[in-house]
Structures are given as C-alpha cells and as structure tokens.
Amino acid sequence: FYLPLAVDTMLKEGQGTAKLLPCEDSWLGITYREEAPAVRLEILKLIEAGAYPKKLWSASNSTLNLVE
C-alpha cells in the first residue's frame, strides 16, 4: 500500500482533503535488506536519546527486537 498514491487518488476524485504539517525530524525506512543495520542503529540512537522507550510494544504484539 503506497500512501502517497492513495492520498493523491482521493484528492483527484474529490473524496478528501489533506493538510501538510511541517516536521524537522528525519524519516527512516527500509527498502532493501542491506539498509536494515543502518536503520537499526539510528533507532537505537533515538532510544538512547530518550526519543523512544526501549519497549514500544508489548512482547505479544511485536517481533522487532532492537534492545535486549
């Protein structure tokens, strides 16, 4: 599901509106497996800086294990 395409379609068909909000934060995403270690490192930095908790979800809801 490609969100920008869905929003574009809704706007063109008059089915909705969109409001863009400014944001100073960086975006992290993984397209290729090789990108995962760099993204993992950036997320760990955010955790260490206090931007995210060590446990974002309960163990039953997550398969993501960044911090032991």
PDB file of N, CA and C in Angstrom:
ATOM      1  N   PHE A   1       0.847  -1.177   0.000  1.00  0.00           N
ATOM      2  CA  PHE A   1       0.000   0.000   0.000  1.00  0.00           C
ATOM      3  C   PHE A   1       0.883   1.228   0.000  1.00  0.00           C
ATOM      4  N   TYR A   2       0.777   2.032  -1.026  1.00  0.00           N
ATOM      5  CA  TYR A   2       1.598   3.227  -1.167  1.00  0.00           C
ATOM      6  C   TYR A   2       0.754   4.440  -0.800  1.00  0.00           C
ATOM      7  N   LEU A   3       0.963   4.970   0.394  1.00  0.00           N
ATOM      8  CA  LEU A   3       0.122   6.028   0.950  1.00  0.00           C
ATOM      9  C   LEU A   3       0.035   7.272   0.059  1.00  0.00           C
ATOM     10  N   PRO A   4       1.156   7.805  -0.480  1.00  0.00           N
ATOM     11  CA  PRO A   4       1.034   8.996  -1.323  1.00  0.00           C
ATOM     12  C   PRO A   4       0.114   8.785  -2.529  1.00  0.00           C
ATOM     13  N   LEU A   5       0.138   7.604  -3.113  1.00  0.00           N
ATOM     14  CA  LEU A   5      -0.730   7.317  -4.249  1.00  0.00           C
ATOM     15  C   LEU A   5      -2.197   7.304  -3.823  1.00  0.00           C
ATOM     16  N   ALA A   6      -2.477   6.720  -2.678  1.00  0.00           N
ATOM     17  CA  ALA A   6      -3.852   6.672  -2.177  1.00  0.00           C
ATOM     18  C   ALA A   6      -4.378   8.074  -1.883  1.00  0.00           C
ATOM     19  N   VAL A   7      -3.560   8.902  -1.255  1.00  0.00           N
ATOM     20  CA  VAL A   7      -3.967  10.281  -0.953  1.00  0.00           C
ATOM     21  C   VAL A   7      -4.169  11.056  -2.246  1.00  0.00           C
ATOM     22  N   ASP A   8      -3.261  10.902  -3.199  1.00  0.00           N
ATOM     23  CA  ASP A   8      -3.378  11.586  -4.487  1.00  0.00           C
ATOM     24  C   ASP A   8      -4.681  11.205  -5.186  1.00  0.00           C
ATOM     25  N   THR A   9      -5.012   9.939  -5.176  1.00  0.00           N
ATOM     26  CA  THR A   9      -6.250   9.472  -5.805  1.00  0.00           C
ATOM     27  C   THR A   9      -7.467  10.089  -5.125  1.00  0.00           C
ATOM     28  N   MET A  10      -7.477  10.098  -3.796  1.00  0.00           N
ATOM     29  CA  MET A  10      -8.603  10.691  -3.065  1.00  0.00           C
ATOM     30  C   MET A  10      -8.760  12.167  -3.394  1.00  0.00           C
ATOM     31  N   LEU A  11      -7.642  12.897  -3.458  1.00  0.00           N
ATOM     32  CA  LEU A  11      -7.711  14.326  -3.753  1.00  0.00           C
ATOM     33  C   LEU A  11      -8.236  14.570  -5.163  1.00  0.00           C
ATOM     34  N   LYS A  12      -7.719  13.819  -6.129  1.00  0.00           N
ATOM     35  CA  LYS A  12      -8.143  13.989  -7.522  1.00  0.00           C
ATOM     36  C   LYS A  12      -9.614  13.656  -7.724  1.00  0.00           C
ATOM     37  N   GLU A  13     -10.122  12.708  -6.950  1.00  0.00           N
ATOM     38  CA  GLU A  13     -11.524  12.300  -7.077  1.00  0.00           C
ATOM     39  C   GLU A  13     -12.450  13.096  -6.160  1.00  0.00           C
ATOM     40  N   GLY A  14     -11.900  14.079  -5.444  1.00  0.00           N
ATOM     41  CA  GLY A  14     -12.704  14.910  -4.564  1.00  0.00           C
ATOM     42  C   GLY A  14     -13.255  14.164  -3.362  1.00  0.00           C
ATOM     43  N   GLN A  15     -12.593  13.092  -2.954  1.00  0.00           N
ATOM     44  CA  GLN A  15     -13.076  12.273  -1.846  1.00  0.00           C
ATOM     45  C   GLN A  15     -12.449  12.640  -0.509  1.00  0.00           C
ATOM     46  N   GLY A  16     -11.616  13.648  -0.492  1.00  0.00           N
ATOM     47  CA  GLY A  16     -10.989  14.017   0.769  1.00  0.00           C
ATOM     48  C   GLY A  16     -10.121  15.244   0.618  1.00  0.00           C
ATOM     49  N   THR A  17      -9.558  15.680   1.713  1.00  0.00           N
ATOM     50  CA  THR A  17      -8.626  16.800   1.732  1.00  0.00           C
ATOM     51  C   THR A  17      -7.380  16.363   2.490  1.00  0.00           C
ATOM     52  N   ALA A  18      -6.329  17.120   2.306  1.00  0.00           N
ATOM     53  CA  ALA A  18      -5.078  16.806   3.006  1.00  0.00           C
ATOM     54  C   ALA A  18      -4.461  18.098   3.514  1.00  0.00           C
ATOM     55  N   LYS A  19      -3.832  18.006   4.653  1.00  0.00           N
ATOM     56  CA  LYS A  19      -3.128  19.144   5.231  1.00  0.00           C
ATOM     57  C   LYS A  19      -1.698  18.701   5.512  1.00  0.00           C
ATOM     58  N   LEU A  20      -0.743  19.425   4.989  1.00  0.00           N
ATOM     59  CA  LEU A  20       0.658  19.107   5.215  1.00  0.00           C
ATOM     60  C   LEU A  20       1.150  19.842   6.450  1.00  0.00           C
ATOM     61  N   LEU A  21       1.845  19.130   7.295  1.00  0.00           N
ATOM     62  CA  LEU A  21       2.389  19.707   8.518  1.00  0.00           C
ATOM     63  C   LEU A  21       3.904  19.710   8.447  1.00  0.00           C
ATOM     64  N   PRO A  22       4.533  20.804   8.857  1.00  0.00           N
ATOM     65  CA  PRO A  22       6.000  20.833   8.848  1.00  0.00           C
ATOM     66  C   PRO A  22       6.566  19.883   9.900  1.00  0.00           C
ATOM     67  N   CYS A  23       7.724  19.343   9.605  1.00  0.00           N
ATOM     68  CA  CYS A  23       8.369  18.412  10.529  1.00  0.00           C
ATOM     69  C   CYS A  23       9.881  18.538  10.384  1.00  0.00           C
ATOM     70  N   GLU A  24      10.564  18.653  11.491  1.00  0.00           N
ATOM     71  CA  GLU A  24      12.021  18.782  11.480  1.00  0.00           C
ATOM     72  C   GLU A  24      12.727  17.432  11.609  1.00  0.00           C
ATOM     73  N   ASP A  25      11.971  16.378  11.901  1.00  0.00           N
ATOM     74  CA  ASP A  25      12.571  15.063  12.117  1.00  0.00           C
ATOM     75  C   ASP A  25      12.952  14.394  10.807  1.00  0.00           C
ATOM     76  N   SER A  26      13.872  13.459  10.903  1.00  0.00           N
ATOM     77  CA  SER A  26      14.286  12.663   9.753  1.00  0.00           C
ATOM     78  C   SER A  26      13.337  11.486   9.587  1.00  0.00           C
ATOM     79  N   TRP A  27      13.284  10.966   8.387  1.00  0.00           N
ATOM     80  CA  TRP A  27      12.457   9.815   8.080  1.00  0.00           C
ATOM     81  C   TRP A  27      13.357   8.597   7.955  1.00  0.00           C
ATOM     82  N   LEU A  28      12.940   7.481   8.518  1.00  0.00           N
ATOM     83  CA  LEU A  28      13.687   6.231   8.404  1.00  0.00           C
ATOM     84  C   LEU A  28      12.812   5.203   7.708  1.00  0.00           C
ATOM     85  N   GLY A  29      13.384   4.528   6.752  1.00  0.00           N
ATOM     86  CA  GLY A  29      12.643   3.479   6.069  1.00  0.00           C
ATOM     87  C   GLY A  29      13.588   2.433   5.521  1.00  0.00           C
ATOM     88  N   ILE A  30      13.055   1.264   5.297  1.00  0.00           N
ATOM     89  CA  ILE A  30      13.854   0.170   4.757  1.00  0.00           C
ATOM     90  C   ILE A  30      13.199  -0.310   3.469  1.00  0.00           C
ATOM     91  N   THR A  31      13.945  -0.229   2.397  1.00  0.00           N
ATOM     92  CA  THR A  31      13.500  -0.768   1.122  1.00  0.00           C
ATOM     93  C   THR A  31      14.219  -2.078   0.834  1.00  0.00           C
ATOM     94  N   TYR A  32      15.494  -2.111   1.153  1.00  0.00           N
ATOM     95  CA  TYR A  32      16.318  -3.288   0.886  1.00  0.00           C
ATOM     96  C   TYR A  32      16.885  -3.840   2.188  1.00  0.00           C
ATOM     97  N   ARG A  33      17.058  -5.145   2.251  1.00  0.00           N
ATOM     98  CA  ARG A  33      17.581  -5.821   3.442  1.00  0.00           C
ATOM     99  C   ARG A  33      18.887  -5.190   3.918  1.00  0.00           C
ATOM    100  N   GLU A  34      19.717  -4.765   2.995  1.00  0.00           N
ATOM    101  CA  GLU A  34      21.018  -4.191   3.340  1.00  0.00           C
ATOM    102  C   GLU A  34      20.901  -2.878   4.118  1.00  0.00           C
ATOM    103  N   GLU A  35      19.761  -2.228   4.053  1.00  0.00           N
ATOM    104  CA  GLU A  35      19.553  -0.965   4.762  1.00  0.00           C
ATOM    105  C   GLU A  35      19.192  -1.166   6.235  1.00  0.00           C
ATOM    106  N   ALA A  36      18.790  -2.363   6.606  1.00  0.00           N
ATOM    107  CA  ALA A  36      18.303  -2.627   7.960  1.00  0.00           C
ATOM    108  C   ALA A  36      19.316  -2.304   9.060  1.00  0.00           C
ATOM    109  N   PRO A  37      20.601  -2.680   8.939  1.00  0.00           N
ATOM    110  CA  PRO A  37      21.532  -2.364  10.030  1.00  0.00           C
ATOM    111  C   PRO A  37      21.668  -0.863  10.302  1.00  0.00           C
ATOM    112  N   ALA A  38      21.696  -0.047   9.260  1.00  0.00           N
ATOM    113  CA  ALA A  38      21.824   1.402   9.451  1.00  0.00           C
ATOM    114  C   ALA A  38      20.575   1.979  10.111  1.00  0.00           C
ATOM    115  N   VAL A  39      19.408   1.502   9.724  1.00  0.00           N
ATOM    116  CA  VAL A  39      18.159   1.976  10.325  1.00  0.00           C
ATOM    117  C   VAL A  39      18.083   1.521  11.782  1.00  0.00           C
ATOM    118  N   ARG A  40      18.484   0.287  12.043  1.00  0.00           N
ATOM    119  CA  ARG A  40      18.504  -0.220  13.418  1.00  0.00           C
ATOM    120  C   ARG A  40      19.388   0.657  14.295  1.00  0.00           C
ATOM    121  N   LEU A  41      20.560   1.029  13.791  1.00  0.00           N
ATOM    122  CA  LEU A  41      21.477   1.881  14.544  1.00  0.00           C
ATOM    123  C   LEU A  41      20.848   3.241  14.835  1.00  0.00           C
ATOM    124  N   GLU A  42      20.179   3.827  13.859  1.00  0.00           N
ATOM    125  CA  GLU A  42      19.531   5.128  14.064  1.00  0.00           C
ATOM    126  C   GLU A  42      18.414   5.031  15.099  1.00  0.00           C
ATOM    127  N   ILE A  43      17.655   3.940  15.071  1.00  0.00           N
ATOM    128  CA  ILE A  43      16.594   3.759  16.068  1.00  0.00           C
ATOM    129  C   ILE A  43      17.191   3.593  17.457  1.00  0.00           C
ATOM    130  N   LEU A  44      18.277   2.853  17.559  1.00  0.00           N
ATOM    131  CA  LEU A  44      18.950   2.700  18.855  1.00  0.00           C
ATOM    132  C   LEU A  44      19.436   4.048  19.381  1.00  0.00           C
ATOM    133  N   LYS A  45      19.924   4.910  18.496  1.00  0.00           N
ATOM    134  CA  LYS A  45      20.349   6.257  18.903  1.00  0.00           C
ATOM    135  C   LYS A  45      19.159   7.052  19.443  1.00  0.00           C
ATOM    136  N   LEU A  46      18.013   6.920  18.791  1.00  0.00           N
ATOM    137  CA  LEU A  46      16.806   7.613  19.256  1.00  0.00           C
ATOM    138  C   LEU A  46      16.375   7.092  20.627  1.00  0.00           C
ATOM    139  N   ILE A  47      16.506   5.798  20.845  1.00  0.00           N
ATOM    140  CA  ILE A  47      16.179   5.214  22.151  1.00  0.00           C
ATOM    141  C   ILE A  47      17.122   5.756  23.213  1.00  0.00           C
ATOM    142  N   GLU A  48      18.418   5.773  22.912  1.00  0.00           N
ATOM    143  CA  GLU A  48      19.411   6.275  23.866  1.00  0.00           C
ATOM    144  C   GLU A  48      19.201   7.754  24.183  1.00  0.00           C
ATOM    145  N   ALA A  49      18.707   8.515  23.202  1.00  0.00           N
ATOM    146  CA  ALA A  49      18.459   9.944  23.401  1.00  0.00           C
ATOM    147  C   ALA A  49      17.149  10.201  24.148  1.00  0.00           C
ATOM    148  N   GLY A  50      16.371   9.137  24.387  1.00  0.00           N
ATOM    149  CA  GLY A  50      15.112   9.291  25.101  1.00  0.00           C
ATOM    150  C   GLY A  50      13.928   9.625  24.216  1.00  0.00           C
ATOM    151  N   ALA A  51      14.109   9.600  22.896  1.00  0.00           N
ATOM    152  CA  ALA A  51      13.010   9.907  21.981  1.00  0.00           C
ATOM    153  C   ALA A  51      11.997   8.765  21.908  1.00  0.00           C
ATOM    154  N   TYR A  52      12.457   7.548  22.171  1.00  0.00           N
ATOM    155  CA  TYR A  52      11.597   6.368  22.165  1.00  0.00           C
ATOM    156  C   TYR A  52      11.918   5.519  23.387  1.00  0.00           C
ATOM    157  N   PRO A  53      10.920   4.819  23.917  1.00  0.00           N
ATOM    158  CA  PRO A  53      11.201   3.899  25.029  1.00  0.00           C
ATOM    159  C   PRO A  53      11.872   2.634  24.503  1.00  0.00           C
ATOM    160  N   LYS A  54      12.548   1.916  25.388  1.00  0.00           N
ATOM    161  CA  LYS A  54      13.181   0.658  24.977  1.00  0.00           C
ATOM    162  C   LYS A  54      12.145  -0.358  24.515  1.00  0.00           C
ATOM    163  N   LYS A  55      10.973  -0.368  25.171  1.00  0.00           N
ATOM    164  CA  LYS A  55       9.897  -1.282  24.779  1.00  0.00           C
ATOM    165  C   LYS A  55       8.728  -0.437  24.283  1.00  0.00           C
ATOM    166  N   LEU A  56       8.576  -0.374  22.978  1.00  0.00           N
ATOM    167  CA  LEU A  56       7.499   0.414  22.393  1.00  0.00           C
ATOM    168  C   LEU A  56       6.178  -0.352  22.418  1.00  0.00           C
ATOM    169  N   TRP A  57       6.251  -1.663  22.235  1.00  0.00           N
ATOM    170  CA  TRP A  57       5.073  -2.519  22.260  1.00  0.00           C
ATOM    171  C   TRP A  57       5.313  -3.658  23.227  1.00  0.00           C
ATOM    172  N   SER A  58       4.218  -4.309  23.621  1.00  0.00           N
ATOM    173  CA  SER A  58       4.369  -5.495  24.463  1.00  0.00           C
ATOM    174  C   SER A  58       4.958  -6.626  23.627  1.00  0.00           C
ATOM    175  N   ALA A  59       5.572  -7.571  24.269  1.00  0.00           N
ATOM    176  CA  ALA A  59       6.220  -8.684  23.568  1.00  0.00           C
ATOM    177  C   ALA A  59       5.237  -9.457  22.697  1.00  0.00           C
ATOM    178  N   SER A  60       3.985  -9.533  23.103  1.00  0.00           N
ATOM    179  CA  SER A  60       2.999 -10.288  22.328  1.00  0.00           C
ATOM    180  C   SER A  60       2.613  -9.590  21.030  1.00  0.00           C
ATOM    181  N   ASN A  61       2.879  -8.286  20.927  1.00  0.00           N
ATOM    182  CA  ASN A  61       2.493  -7.525  19.740  1.00  0.00           C
ATOM    183  C   ASN A  61       3.647  -7.236  18.800  1.00  0.00           C
ATOM    184  N   SER A  62       4.849  -7.660  19.122  1.00  0.00           N
ATOM    185  CA  SER A  62       5.992  -7.230  18.335  1.00  0.00           C
ATOM    186  C   SER A  62       6.963  -8.363  18.065  1.00  0.00           C
ATOM    187  N   THR A  63       7.504  -8.356  16.859  1.00  0.00           N
ATOM    188  CA  THR A  63       8.595  -9.267  16.535  1.00  0.00           C
ATOM    189  C   THR A  63       9.891  -8.484  16.382  1.00  0.00           C
ATOM    190  N   LEU A  64       9.832  -7.170  16.560  1.00  0.00           N
ATOM    191  CA  LEU A  64      11.000  -6.303  16.441  1.00  0.00           C
ATOM    192  C   LEU A  64      11.779  -6.320  17.743  1.00  0.00           C
ATOM    193  N   ASN A  65      13.045  -6.699  17.681  1.00  0.00           N
ATOM    194  CA  ASN A  65      13.869  -6.773  18.879  1.00  0.00           C
ATOM    195  C   ASN A  65      15.118  -5.933  18.658  1.00  0.00           C
ATOM    196  N   LEU A  66      15.088  -4.684  19.106  1.00  0.00           N
ATOM    197  CA  LEU A  66      16.226  -3.791  18.926  1.00  0.00           C
ATOM    198  C   LEU A  66      17.125  -3.767  20.141  1.00  0.00           C
ATOM    199  N   VAL A  67      16.531  -3.867  21.314  1.00  0.00           N
ATOM    200  CA  VAL A  67      17.285  -3.762  22.561  1.00  0.00           C
ATOM    201  C   VAL A  67      16.939  -4.960  23.427  1.00  0.00           C
ATOM    202  N   GLU A  68      17.930  -5.619  23.930  1.00  0.00           N
ATOM    203  CA  GLU A  68      17.705  -6.777  24.818  1.00  0.00           C
ATOM    204  C   GLU A  68      17.333  -6.298  26.194  1.00  0.00           C
TER     205      GLU A  68
END
